[in-house]
N, C-alpha and C. Protein backbone atom coordinates (compact mmCIF):
# COMPACT_ATOMS: atom_id res chain seq x y z
N MET A 1 140.95 118.53 94.04
CA MET A 1 142.36 118.63 93.58
C MET A 1 143.25 118.55 94.83
N THR A 2 144.25 118.23 94.77
CA THR A 2 145.47 118.45 96.12
C THR A 2 146.30 119.65 95.31
N ALA A 3 147.15 120.37 96.20
CA ALA A 3 148.08 121.03 95.93
C ALA A 3 149.06 120.66 94.92
N SER A 4 149.43 119.64 94.70
CA SER A 4 150.20 118.91 93.49
C SER A 4 149.45 118.78 92.10
N ASP A 5 148.08 119.46 91.93
CA ASP A 5 147.36 118.95 91.07
C ASP A 5 146.76 117.99 90.63
N GLN A 6 147.16 116.71 91.44
CA GLN A 6 146.63 115.58 91.18
C GLN A 6 144.91 115.29 92.00
N PRO A 7 144.36 114.64 91.02
CA PRO A 7 142.73 115.08 91.56
C PRO A 7 142.60 113.75 92.70
N LEU A 8 141.85 113.90 93.49
CA LEU A 8 141.63 113.08 94.57
C LEU A 8 140.76 111.90 94.33
N THR A 9 140.86 111.00 94.84
CA THR A 9 140.12 109.59 94.67
C THR A 9 138.71 110.04 95.41
N HIS A 10 137.66 109.33 95.04
CA HIS A 10 136.37 109.65 95.79
C HIS A 10 136.62 109.43 97.24
N ASP A 11 137.44 108.14 97.62
CA ASP A 11 137.75 107.95 99.28
C ASP A 11 138.37 109.41 99.88
N GLU A 12 139.37 109.63 99.22
CA GLU A 12 140.27 110.69 99.61
C GLU A 12 139.43 112.04 99.53
N ARG A 13 138.66 112.44 98.64
CA ARG A 13 137.75 113.44 98.77
C ARG A 13 137.02 113.50 99.97
N LEU A 14 136.27 112.26 100.52
CA LEU A 14 135.15 112.18 101.32
C LEU A 14 136.16 112.38 102.68
N MET A 15 137.54 111.88 102.52
CA MET A 15 138.50 111.87 104.29
C MET A 15 138.61 113.55 104.13
N VAL A 16 139.09 114.22 103.21
CA VAL A 16 139.45 115.87 103.45
C VAL A 16 138.28 116.33 103.51
N LEU A 17 137.22 116.03 103.06
CA LEU A 17 135.90 116.90 103.13
C LEU A 17 135.55 116.65 104.79
N GLY A 18 135.57 115.74 105.34
CA GLY A 18 135.42 115.25 107.02
C GLY A 18 136.57 116.31 107.56
N ARG A 19 137.79 116.29 107.23
CA ARG A 19 138.58 117.02 107.91
C ARG A 19 138.25 118.49 107.91
N ILE A 20 137.58 119.04 106.69
CA ILE A 20 137.36 120.46 106.91
C ILE A 20 135.91 120.50 107.78
N ALA A 21 135.27 119.67 107.63
CA ALA A 21 134.22 119.97 108.70
C ALA A 21 134.35 119.59 110.09
N GLN A 22 135.19 118.78 110.14
CA GLN A 22 135.91 118.76 111.68
C GLN A 22 136.87 120.19 112.06
N SER A 23 137.53 120.59 111.26
CA SER A 23 138.16 121.79 111.54
C SER A 23 137.19 122.96 111.49
N ALA A 24 136.34 122.94 110.89
CA ALA A 24 135.33 124.04 110.83
C ALA A 24 134.38 124.26 112.10
N ALA A 25 134.00 123.00 112.46
CA ALA A 25 133.52 122.76 113.66
C ALA A 25 134.09 123.31 114.98
N LEU A 26 135.40 123.03 114.94
CA LEU A 26 136.60 123.50 116.22
C LEU A 26 136.42 124.90 115.93
N MET A 27 136.63 125.66 114.52
CA MET A 27 136.60 127.13 114.73
C MET A 27 135.45 127.56 115.30
N GLU A 28 134.09 127.26 114.78
CA GLU A 28 132.95 127.81 115.43
C GLU A 28 132.79 127.58 116.86
N THR A 29 133.40 126.31 117.42
CA THR A 29 133.59 126.00 118.77
C THR A 29 133.96 127.32 119.56
N ILE A 30 135.34 127.82 119.07
CA ILE A 30 136.29 128.52 119.68
C ILE A 30 135.56 129.82 119.50
N LEU A 31 135.07 130.43 118.11
CA LEU A 31 134.11 131.45 118.18
C LEU A 31 133.03 131.74 119.26
N ARG A 32 132.61 130.66 119.35
CA ARG A 32 131.38 130.87 120.22
C ARG A 32 131.87 131.04 121.53
N SER A 33 132.92 130.44 122.11
CA SER A 33 133.48 130.82 123.20
C SER A 33 134.04 131.96 123.64
N LEU A 34 134.78 132.56 122.42
CA LEU A 34 135.38 133.97 122.62
C LEU A 34 134.48 134.95 122.40
N VAL A 35 133.32 135.10 121.63
CA VAL A 35 132.09 135.71 121.80
C VAL A 35 131.64 135.72 123.13
N ALA A 36 131.48 134.57 123.95
CA ALA A 36 130.70 134.64 124.94
C ALA A 36 131.30 135.29 125.88
N SER A 37 132.96 135.11 125.71
CA SER A 37 134.08 135.48 126.94
C SER A 37 133.94 137.06 126.62
N LEU A 38 133.98 137.63 125.44
CA LEU A 38 133.81 138.95 125.13
C LEU A 38 132.75 139.79 125.69
N ILE A 39 131.43 139.20 125.40
CA ILE A 39 130.28 139.58 126.16
C ILE A 39 130.45 139.70 127.70
N GLY A 40 131.18 139.19 128.14
CA GLY A 40 131.29 138.79 129.59
C GLY A 40 130.29 138.80 130.50
N SER A 41 129.18 138.28 130.10
CA SER A 41 127.97 138.03 131.08
C SER A 41 127.82 136.40 131.31
N PRO A 42 127.36 136.07 132.56
CA PRO A 42 126.94 134.60 132.52
C PRO A 42 125.89 134.40 131.85
N ARG A 43 125.39 135.01 131.31
CA ARG A 43 124.02 135.05 130.22
C ARG A 43 124.83 134.87 128.93
N ALA A 44 125.85 134.91 128.54
CA ALA A 44 126.55 135.38 127.21
C ALA A 44 126.52 133.66 126.48
N VAL A 45 126.45 132.61 127.11
CA VAL A 45 126.26 131.46 126.54
C VAL A 45 124.85 131.24 126.11
N ILE A 46 123.93 131.92 126.75
CA ILE A 46 122.63 131.94 125.95
C ILE A 46 122.44 132.61 124.62
N VAL A 47 123.15 133.87 124.89
CA VAL A 47 122.92 134.57 123.73
C VAL A 47 123.93 134.04 122.39
N VAL A 48 124.98 133.32 122.59
CA VAL A 48 125.53 132.82 121.72
C VAL A 48 125.12 131.38 121.04
N SER A 49 124.42 130.36 121.94
CA SER A 49 124.00 129.31 121.80
C SER A 49 123.00 129.31 120.28
N GLY A 50 123.39 128.44 119.35
CA GLY A 50 122.67 128.42 118.05
C GLY A 50 122.84 129.49 117.10
N GLN A 51 123.94 130.39 117.14
CA GLN A 51 124.26 131.46 116.33
C GLN A 51 124.90 131.23 115.29
N SER A 52 124.54 131.40 114.12
CA SER A 52 125.77 131.07 112.60
C SER A 52 127.03 131.65 112.99
N VAL A 53 127.97 130.97 112.20
CA VAL A 53 129.42 131.62 112.19
C VAL A 53 129.50 132.65 111.83
N SER A 54 128.60 133.16 110.72
CA SER A 54 128.81 134.50 110.22
C SER A 54 128.40 135.55 111.58
N TRP A 55 127.58 135.17 112.07
CA TRP A 55 126.95 136.05 113.02
C TRP A 55 127.87 136.24 114.39
N LEU A 56 128.69 135.30 114.76
CA LEU A 56 129.79 135.04 115.80
C LEU A 56 130.77 136.02 115.34
N ILE A 57 131.01 135.82 113.71
CA ILE A 57 132.33 136.53 113.45
C ILE A 57 131.87 137.92 113.43
N GLU A 58 130.80 138.15 113.01
CA GLU A 58 130.12 139.74 113.12
C GLU A 58 130.60 140.36 114.22
N THR A 59 129.84 139.61 115.17
CA THR A 59 129.64 139.99 116.82
C THR A 59 130.95 140.15 117.37
N ALA A 60 132.00 139.33 117.21
CA ALA A 60 133.25 139.47 117.67
C ALA A 60 133.96 140.49 117.11
N LEU A 61 134.04 140.52 115.92
CA LEU A 61 134.69 141.72 115.27
C LEU A 61 134.16 143.36 115.70
N ALA A 62 132.72 143.26 115.87
CA ALA A 62 132.12 144.54 116.48
C ALA A 62 132.51 144.58 117.96
N ILE A 63 132.38 143.69 118.60
CA ILE A 63 132.96 143.94 120.05
C ILE A 63 134.26 144.31 120.15
N VAL A 64 135.20 143.96 119.62
CA VAL A 64 136.76 144.19 119.31
C VAL A 64 136.65 145.73 119.03
N LYS A 65 136.13 146.04 117.96
CA LYS A 65 136.17 147.44 117.06
C LYS A 65 135.60 148.63 118.24
N HIS A 66 134.36 148.05 119.10
CA HIS A 66 134.01 149.19 120.05
C HIS A 66 134.21 148.79 121.28
N ASN A 67 135.14 148.18 121.43
CA ASN A 67 135.33 147.91 122.91
C ASN A 67 135.67 148.95 124.00
N ASP A 68 136.70 149.83 123.22
CA ASP A 68 136.92 151.14 124.05
C ASP A 68 135.65 152.35 124.26
N GLU A 69 135.07 152.03 123.01
CA GLU A 69 133.76 153.06 123.17
C GLU A 69 132.66 152.62 124.34
N ALA A 70 132.51 151.44 124.47
CA ALA A 70 131.71 150.89 125.29
C ALA A 70 132.36 151.39 126.84
N ARG A 71 133.38 151.49 126.98
CA ARG A 71 134.41 151.73 128.10
C ARG A 71 134.25 150.42 129.09
N ALA A 72 134.21 149.19 128.03
CA ALA A 72 134.77 147.98 128.47
C ALA A 72 136.27 147.72 129.06
N PRO A 73 136.64 146.99 129.71
CA PRO A 73 137.91 146.82 130.29
C PRO A 73 138.95 146.64 128.92
N THR A 74 140.19 147.13 128.94
CA THR A 74 140.78 147.29 127.85
C THR A 74 141.31 145.78 127.45
N LEU A 75 141.38 145.50 125.91
CA LEU A 75 141.63 144.21 125.70
C LEU A 75 143.16 143.55 125.50
N GLY A 76 144.01 144.95 125.91
CA GLY A 76 145.29 144.85 125.72
C GLY A 76 146.17 145.76 124.66
N PRO A 77 147.36 145.41 124.66
CA PRO A 77 148.04 146.31 123.55
C PRO A 77 147.49 146.01 122.34
N PRO A 78 147.52 147.52 121.50
CA PRO A 78 146.77 147.78 120.30
C PRO A 78 147.18 146.82 119.13
N ARG A 79 148.54 146.02 119.35
CA ARG A 79 149.07 145.23 118.36
C ARG A 79 148.58 143.60 118.43
N HIS A 80 148.39 143.30 119.72
CA HIS A 80 147.69 142.18 119.94
C HIS A 80 146.02 142.31 119.66
N VAL A 81 145.40 143.23 119.61
CA VAL A 81 143.98 143.62 119.43
C VAL A 81 143.87 143.16 118.29
N ALA A 82 144.88 144.15 117.37
CA ALA A 82 144.96 144.10 115.61
C ALA A 82 144.95 142.69 115.08
N ALA A 83 145.97 141.81 115.81
CA ALA A 83 146.10 140.36 115.52
C ALA A 83 144.82 139.66 115.62
N PHE A 84 144.56 139.68 116.74
CA PHE A 84 143.07 139.44 117.11
C PHE A 84 141.91 139.20 116.06
N ALA A 85 141.90 140.80 115.85
CA ALA A 85 140.80 141.03 114.79
C ALA A 85 141.15 140.41 113.62
N THR A 86 142.16 140.09 112.98
CA THR A 86 142.63 139.91 111.96
C THR A 86 142.27 138.21 111.72
N ALA A 87 142.60 137.77 112.94
CA ALA A 87 142.30 136.22 113.06
C ALA A 87 141.01 135.85 113.04
N ILE A 88 140.12 137.01 113.31
CA ILE A 88 138.59 136.57 113.33
C ILE A 88 138.21 137.34 112.04
N GLN A 89 139.01 137.77 111.46
CA GLN A 89 138.39 138.34 110.13
C GLN A 89 138.90 137.12 109.01
N ARG A 90 139.96 136.59 109.00
CA ARG A 90 140.21 135.23 108.46
C ARG A 90 139.10 134.21 108.63
N CYS A 91 138.34 134.20 109.93
CA CYS A 91 137.49 133.29 109.65
C CYS A 91 136.50 133.29 108.56
N LYS A 92 136.03 134.29 108.39
CA LYS A 92 135.05 135.06 107.50
C LYS A 92 135.39 134.24 105.99
N ASP A 93 136.40 134.58 105.69
CA ASP A 93 136.84 133.43 104.35
C ASP A 93 136.61 132.21 104.47
N ALA A 94 137.55 131.79 105.45
CA ALA A 94 137.22 130.34 105.64
C ALA A 94 135.99 129.41 105.85
N ASN A 95 135.19 130.03 106.48
CA ASN A 95 133.97 129.79 106.31
C ASN A 95 133.16 129.86 105.22
N LYS A 96 133.20 130.67 104.39
CA LYS A 96 132.61 130.84 103.16
C LYS A 96 133.32 129.65 102.00
N ARG A 97 134.54 129.38 102.13
CA ARG A 97 135.04 128.29 101.25
C ARG A 97 134.80 127.15 101.88
N ARG A 98 134.69 126.92 103.04
CA ARG A 98 134.30 125.69 103.68
C ARG A 98 132.58 125.61 103.27
N ASN A 99 131.86 126.15 103.38
CA ASN A 99 130.65 126.31 102.95
C ASN A 99 130.36 125.85 101.85
N ASP A 100 131.03 126.35 100.61
CA ASP A 100 131.29 125.93 99.10
C ASP A 100 131.66 124.67 98.86
N ALA A 101 132.61 124.37 99.87
CA ALA A 101 133.14 122.92 99.47
C ALA A 101 131.89 121.60 100.26
N LEU A 102 131.83 122.12 101.29
CA LEU A 102 130.40 121.24 101.86
C LEU A 102 128.98 121.13 101.20
N HIS A 103 128.64 122.17 100.92
CA HIS A 103 127.32 122.23 100.34
C HIS A 103 127.28 122.39 99.03
N GLY A 104 128.54 122.22 97.97
CA GLY A 104 128.29 122.10 96.70
C GLY A 104 128.35 120.60 96.17
N ALA A 105 127.55 120.77 95.26
CA ALA A 105 127.47 119.03 94.36
C ALA A 105 128.80 118.98 93.68
N TRP A 106 129.40 117.95 94.00
CA TRP A 106 130.54 117.41 93.43
C TRP A 106 129.99 116.66 91.94
N ILE A 107 130.64 117.09 90.72
CA ILE A 107 129.89 116.38 89.54
C ILE A 107 131.23 115.70 88.72
N ASP A 108 132.31 115.86 89.07
CA ASP A 108 133.65 115.18 88.63
C ASP A 108 134.86 115.51 89.59
N ASP A 109 135.60 115.45 89.32
CA ASP A 109 136.85 115.30 89.82
C ASP A 109 137.31 117.20 90.17
N ASP A 110 136.95 117.78 89.30
CA ASP A 110 137.54 119.39 89.07
C ASP A 110 136.37 120.28 88.83
N GLN A 111 135.25 119.79 88.89
CA GLN A 111 133.89 120.88 88.92
C GLN A 111 132.92 120.69 90.18
N GLN A 112 132.36 121.40 90.46
CA GLN A 112 131.47 121.45 91.44
C GLN A 112 130.41 122.46 91.20
N ILE A 113 128.93 121.97 91.64
CA ILE A 113 127.75 123.06 91.33
C ILE A 113 127.53 123.75 92.63
N VAL A 114 127.50 125.01 92.90
CA VAL A 114 127.84 125.76 94.19
C VAL A 114 126.36 126.39 94.16
N SER A 115 125.39 126.26 95.01
CA SER A 115 124.17 127.14 95.25
C SER A 115 124.29 128.39 95.93
N LYS A 116 124.12 129.16 95.25
CA LYS A 116 123.95 130.50 95.69
C LYS A 116 122.64 130.69 96.00
N TYR A 117 122.03 130.20 97.43
CA TYR A 117 120.77 130.12 98.04
C TYR A 117 120.24 131.34 98.57
N ARG A 118 121.06 132.42 98.60
CA ARG A 118 120.57 133.76 99.23
C ARG A 118 120.65 134.78 98.06
N GLN A 119 120.89 134.43 96.85
CA GLN A 119 120.69 135.12 95.89
C GLN A 119 119.10 134.87 94.90
N PRO A 120 118.58 135.72 94.27
CA PRO A 120 117.41 135.37 93.66
C PRO A 120 117.33 134.23 92.69
N TYR A 121 116.34 133.55 92.86
CA TYR A 121 115.96 132.02 91.98
C TYR A 121 117.13 131.24 92.47
N MET A 122 117.37 130.92 93.42
CA MET A 122 118.64 130.10 94.08
C MET A 122 119.39 129.55 92.70
N MET A 123 120.14 130.85 92.39
CA MET A 123 121.07 130.74 91.47
C MET A 123 122.12 129.40 91.57
N MET A 124 122.50 128.64 90.40
CA MET A 124 123.36 127.61 90.50
C MET A 124 124.70 127.89 89.53
N LEU A 125 125.48 127.81 89.99
CA LEU A 125 126.92 128.01 89.46
C LEU A 125 127.83 126.86 89.30
N LEU A 126 128.24 126.69 88.32
CA LEU A 126 129.37 125.68 87.85
C LEU A 126 130.60 126.33 88.25
N GLN A 127 131.63 126.08 88.93
CA GLN A 127 133.04 126.55 89.36
C GLN A 127 133.82 125.34 89.37
N PRO A 128 135.09 125.93 89.02
CA PRO A 128 136.22 124.68 89.63
C PRO A 128 135.95 124.45 90.95
N ALA A 129 136.52 123.07 91.03
CA ALA A 129 136.35 122.75 92.50
C ALA A 129 137.65 123.19 93.39
N VAL A 130 137.33 123.33 94.75
CA VAL A 130 137.98 124.19 95.44
C VAL A 130 139.41 122.94 95.83
N ASP A 131 140.61 123.58 96.29
CA ASP A 131 141.76 122.79 96.37
C ASP A 131 141.30 122.28 97.74
N LEU A 132 140.73 121.01 98.05
CA LEU A 132 140.28 120.71 99.38
C LEU A 132 141.28 120.32 100.28
N THR A 133 142.42 120.15 100.00
CA THR A 133 143.80 120.00 100.95
C THR A 133 143.89 121.15 101.28
N ARG A 134 144.24 122.23 100.32
CA ARG A 134 144.73 123.62 100.81
C ARG A 134 143.82 123.93 101.93
N LEU A 135 142.39 124.06 101.31
CA LEU A 135 141.11 124.63 102.45
C LEU A 135 141.42 123.74 103.80
N SER A 136 141.49 122.37 103.82
CA SER A 136 141.87 121.61 105.16
C SER A 136 142.89 122.41 105.86
N ASN A 137 143.89 122.59 105.33
CA ASN A 137 145.35 123.22 106.20
C ASN A 137 144.93 124.60 106.25
N ASP A 138 144.43 125.52 105.51
CA ASP A 138 144.17 126.59 105.81
C ASP A 138 143.29 126.84 107.16
N LEU A 139 142.03 125.79 107.09
CA LEU A 139 141.31 126.17 108.29
C LEU A 139 142.08 125.44 109.53
N ASP A 140 143.00 124.72 109.48
CA ASP A 140 143.60 124.52 110.64
C ASP A 140 144.71 125.90 111.13
N GLU A 141 145.16 126.34 110.11
CA GLU A 141 146.11 127.25 110.25
C GLU A 141 145.17 128.77 111.02
N VAL A 142 143.79 129.05 110.68
CA VAL A 142 142.86 129.79 111.09
C VAL A 142 142.89 129.62 112.60
N VAL A 143 142.41 128.25 112.72
CA VAL A 143 142.05 127.96 114.14
C VAL A 143 143.38 128.14 115.04
N MET A 144 144.47 127.69 115.01
CA MET A 144 145.40 128.21 115.38
C MET A 144 145.83 129.50 115.50
N GLU A 145 146.00 130.13 114.61
CA GLU A 145 145.85 131.59 114.64
C GLU A 145 145.05 132.22 115.45
N LEU A 146 143.72 131.99 115.11
CA LEU A 146 142.58 132.40 116.50
C LEU A 146 143.14 131.96 117.83
N LEU A 147 143.35 131.07 118.46
CA LEU A 147 143.71 130.44 119.71
C LEU A 147 145.12 131.33 119.90
N ASP A 148 145.94 131.58 119.17
CA ASP A 148 147.17 132.31 119.64
C ASP A 148 147.15 133.55 119.84
N THR A 149 146.29 134.00 119.15
CA THR A 149 146.12 135.52 119.15
C THR A 149 145.16 135.90 120.32
N SER A 150 144.07 134.78 120.58
CA SER A 150 143.06 135.09 121.78
C SER A 150 143.95 135.20 122.99
N MET A 151 144.96 134.33 123.03
CA MET A 151 145.55 134.09 124.42
C MET A 151 146.24 135.51 124.71
N LYS A 152 146.84 136.12 123.69
CA LYS A 152 147.28 137.44 124.01
C LYS A 152 146.58 138.56 123.99
N VAL A 153 145.01 138.30 123.95
CA VAL A 153 144.37 139.46 124.36
C VAL A 153 143.71 139.19 125.76
N THR A 154 143.87 140.39 126.52
CA THR A 154 143.43 140.60 127.96
C THR A 154 142.04 140.05 128.09
N GLY A 155 141.95 139.18 128.91
CA GLY A 155 140.50 138.47 129.44
C GLY A 155 139.73 137.92 128.46
N VAL A 156 140.31 137.21 127.33
CA VAL A 156 139.36 136.65 126.57
C VAL A 156 139.78 135.20 126.74
N LEU A 157 140.69 134.65 126.28
CA LEU A 157 140.97 133.30 126.88
C LEU A 157 142.34 133.08 127.72
N TRP A 158 142.13 132.86 128.80
CA TRP A 158 143.22 132.91 129.65
C TRP A 158 143.84 131.58 129.93
N ARG A 159 145.29 131.74 129.75
CA ARG A 159 146.04 130.59 130.23
C ARG A 159 146.28 130.53 131.76
N PRO A 160 146.37 129.18 132.23
CA PRO A 160 146.77 128.88 133.71
C PRO A 160 147.92 130.13 134.36
N ASN A 161 147.15 130.61 135.39
CA ASN A 161 148.01 131.61 136.02
C ASN A 161 148.56 132.87 135.48
N GLN A 162 147.69 133.40 134.30
CA GLN A 162 148.12 134.30 133.65
C GLN A 162 147.25 135.51 134.14
N THR A 163 148.09 136.66 134.32
CA THR A 163 147.23 138.08 134.77
C THR A 163 147.08 138.84 133.99
N ALA A 164 146.40 139.91 134.34
CA ALA A 164 146.21 141.00 133.14
C ALA A 164 147.77 141.68 132.98
N GLU A 165 148.42 141.69 134.09
CA GLU A 165 149.84 142.20 133.91
C GLU A 165 150.78 141.44 132.80
N ASP A 166 150.38 140.04 132.57
CA ASP A 166 151.30 139.29 131.83
C ASP A 166 150.60 139.61 130.45
N SER A 167 149.59 139.74 130.16
CA SER A 167 148.78 139.80 128.98
C SER A 167 149.43 141.39 128.14
N ALA A 168 149.81 142.19 129.24
CA ALA A 168 150.11 143.43 128.74
C ALA A 168 151.56 143.60 128.45
N ASP A 169 152.27 142.76 128.94
CA ASP A 169 153.87 142.58 128.79
C ASP A 169 154.28 141.81 127.15
N GLN A 170 152.97 141.02 126.67
CA GLN A 170 153.58 140.09 125.56
C GLN A 170 153.49 141.00 124.59
């Protein structure tokens, strides 16, 4: 269904599902790069390679939360670090919604069977179909927020010619 409550045609649904998959893949790629950067080791790409999006999110949140305890270099002003953590947290909800949309079996224009494969007996639930257009737009927003906030945190994603002092001043 679209934001205007008009059902998508079969072709429109497939196109929006493709956009969701593409945006989610970009979110995953960015998260993978961010976690590798937060780890800060040349071997970090080996550690993050093949990890699930859930793992990347939880690891990023743990590193941000415990960064100062680990006596790691500061990530910058607290307001920027908090915004960065919020953006990472938003990825968790977006990823769950993405999984439901892409892995659910569509049975008609407004209902979907969603497998709860991590629950006992492979529970199958019939639920209203997600608003695919809204999910697609939300994923795009989450990706942009993640990029924007990561550029304000010291030493995660650097803009050309950015110094640590520049990040602290933002």
